[in-house]
Amino acid sequence: MTERIIQILERLTDHKGIGRDTDLLEEDLLDSLAFIELINELETEFRVEIQPTQVSSDTWKTAQGIAELVKTLRETT
């Protein structure tokens, strides 16, 4: 799942070489438009519903954190 999320992030940000622990916010890779597109992609790809305001901002810092969120959401639905 993390690898697929990395692929999505690389496509949305047009930045290659994103790793599991790349800080997307510190590296300024995830702007507001890419963030909204990412949520849409995750919801479609993994069939989850994400309420960004209910998720800690730290979750969005890395592909690994995003994968953990998606995994948790999939387990609770």
C-alpha atoms as a PDB file:
ATOM      1  CA  MET A   1       0.000   0.000   0.000  1.00  0.00           C
ATOM      2  CA  THR A   2       2.785   2.448   0.845  1.00  0.00           C
ATOM      3  CA  GLU A   3       4.400   1.912  -2.558  1.00  0.00           C
ATOM      4  CA  ARG A   4       1.108   2.708  -4.293  1.00  0.00           C
ATOM      5  CA  ILE A   5       0.726   5.855  -2.192  1.00  0.00           C
ATOM      6  CA  ILE A   6       4.258   6.883  -3.152  1.00  0.00           C
ATOM      7  CA  GLN A   7       3.346   6.429  -6.829  1.00  0.00           C
ATOM      8  CA  ILE A   8       0.289   8.629  -6.359  1.00  0.00           C
ATOM      9  CA  LEU A   9       2.331  11.271  -4.533  1.00  0.00           C
ATOM     10  CA  GLU A  10       5.032  11.290  -7.219  1.00  0.00           C
ATOM     11  CA  ARG A  11       2.429  11.738  -9.933  1.00  0.00           C
ATOM     12  CA  LEU A  12       0.548  14.496  -8.099  1.00  0.00           C
ATOM     13  CA  THR A  13       3.661  16.413  -7.072  1.00  0.00           C
ATOM     14  CA  ASP A  14       5.664  15.703 -10.238  1.00  0.00           C
ATOM     15  CA  HIS A  15       8.560  14.815  -7.936  1.00  0.00           C
ATOM     16  CA  LYS A  16      10.426  11.523  -8.256  1.00  0.00           C
ATOM     17  CA  GLY A  17      12.293   9.820  -5.459  1.00  0.00           C
ATOM     18  CA  ILE A  18       9.760  10.200  -2.662  1.00  0.00           C
ATOM     19  CA  GLY A  19      10.522   7.667   0.056  1.00  0.00           C
ATOM     20  CA  ARG A  20       8.437   6.208   2.855  1.00  0.00           C
ATOM     21  CA  ASP A  21       9.760   8.787   5.318  1.00  0.00           C
ATOM     22  CA  THR A  22      10.239  11.809   3.050  1.00  0.00           C
ATOM     23  CA  ASP A  23       8.776  14.801   4.899  1.00  0.00           C
ATOM     24  CA  LEU A  24       6.257  16.004   2.328  1.00  0.00           C
ATOM     25  CA  LEU A  25       5.517  19.209   4.212  1.00  0.00           C
ATOM     26  CA  GLU A  26       9.107  20.165   5.032  1.00  0.00           C
ATOM     27  CA  GLU A  27      10.149  19.455   1.438  1.00  0.00           C
ATOM     28  CA  ASP A  28       7.187  21.617   0.327  1.00  0.00           C
ATOM     29  CA  LEU A  29       5.908  18.830  -1.944  1.00  0.00           C
ATOM     30  CA  LEU A  30       2.307  18.737  -0.776  1.00  0.00           C
ATOM     31  CA  ASP A  31       0.590  22.066  -1.436  1.00  0.00           C
ATOM     32  CA  SER A  32      -3.126  22.634  -0.865  1.00  0.00           C
ATOM     33  CA  LEU A  33      -4.175  21.591  -4.378  1.00  0.00           C
ATOM     34  CA  ALA A  34      -2.070  18.413  -4.291  1.00  0.00           C
ATOM     35  CA  PHE A  35      -3.469  17.692  -0.828  1.00  0.00           C
ATOM     36  CA  ILE A  36      -7.078  17.796  -2.091  1.00  0.00           C
ATOM     37  CA  GLU A  37      -6.158  15.693  -5.119  1.00  0.00           C
ATOM     38  CA  LEU A  38      -4.382  13.213  -2.840  1.00  0.00           C
ATOM     39  CA  ILE A  39      -7.463  12.803  -0.662  1.00  0.00           C
ATOM     40  CA  ASN A  40      -9.618  12.204  -3.740  1.00  0.00           C
ATOM     41  CA  GLU A  41      -7.159   9.632  -5.095  1.00  0.00           C
ATOM     42  CA  LEU A  42      -6.902   7.816  -1.767  1.00  0.00           C
ATOM     43  CA  GLU A  43     -10.668   7.674  -1.361  1.00  0.00           C
ATOM     44  CA  THR A  44     -11.097   6.270  -4.859  1.00  0.00           C
ATOM     45  CA  GLU A  45      -8.132   3.878  -4.846  1.00  0.00           C
ATOM     46  CA  PHE A  46      -8.629   2.441  -1.377  1.00  0.00           C
ATOM     47  CA  ARG A  47     -12.395   2.945  -0.978  1.00  0.00           C
ATOM     48  CA  VAL A  48     -12.173   4.965   2.223  1.00  0.00           C
ATOM     49  CA  GLU A  49     -13.693   8.237   3.352  1.00  0.00           C
ATOM     50  CA  ILE A  50     -11.248  10.777   4.723  1.00  0.00           C
ATOM     51  CA  GLN A  51     -12.233  13.768   6.825  1.00  0.00           C
ATOM     52  CA  PRO A  52      -9.010  15.834   6.777  1.00  0.00           C
ATOM     53  CA  THR A  53     -10.063  17.946   9.752  1.00  0.00           C
ATOM     54  CA  GLN A  54     -10.304  14.807  11.901  1.00  0.00           C
ATOM     55  CA  VAL A  55      -6.781  13.676  11.066  1.00  0.00           C
ATOM     56  CA  SER A  56      -3.620  14.960  12.745  1.00  0.00           C
ATOM     57  CA  SER A  57      -1.467  17.113  10.473  1.00  0.00           C
ATOM     58  CA  ASP A  58       1.496  14.854  11.295  1.00  0.00           C
ATOM     59  CA  THR A  59      -0.275  12.033   9.461  1.00  0.00           C
ATOM     60  CA  TRP A  60       0.216  13.849   6.155  1.00  0.00           C
ATOM     61  CA  LYS A  61       3.963  14.370   6.610  1.00  0.00           C
ATOM     62  CA  THR A  62       5.067  11.044   5.115  1.00  0.00           C
ATOM     63  CA  ALA A  63       3.853   8.339   2.771  1.00  0.00           C
ATOM     64  CA  GLN A  64       4.172   5.896   5.673  1.00  0.00           C
ATOM     65  CA  GLY A  65       1.894   8.035   7.856  1.00  0.00           C
ATOM     66  CA  ILE A  66      -0.661   8.269   5.060  1.00  0.00           C
ATOM     67  CA  ALA A  67      -0.524   4.493   4.554  1.00  0.00           C
ATOM     68  CA  GLU A  68      -1.154   3.930   8.257  1.00  0.00           C
ATOM     69  CA  LEU A  69      -4.192   6.235   8.093  1.00  0.00           C
ATOM     70  CA  VAL A  70      -5.617   4.399   5.083  1.00  0.00           C
ATOM     71  CA  LYS A  71      -5.005   1.046   6.733  1.00  0.00           C
ATOM     72  CA  THR A  72      -6.811   2.162   9.879  1.00  0.00           C
ATOM     73  CA  LEU A  73      -9.739   3.536   7.878  1.00  0.00           C
ATOM     74  CA  ARG A  74     -10.041   0.319   5.882  1.00  0.00           C
ATOM     75  CA  GLU A  75     -10.100  -1.731   9.074  1.00  0.00           C
ATOM     76  CA  THR A  76     -12.864   0.365  10.632  1.00  0.00           C
ATOM     77  CA  THR A  77     -15.239   0.299   7.666  1.00  0.00           C
END
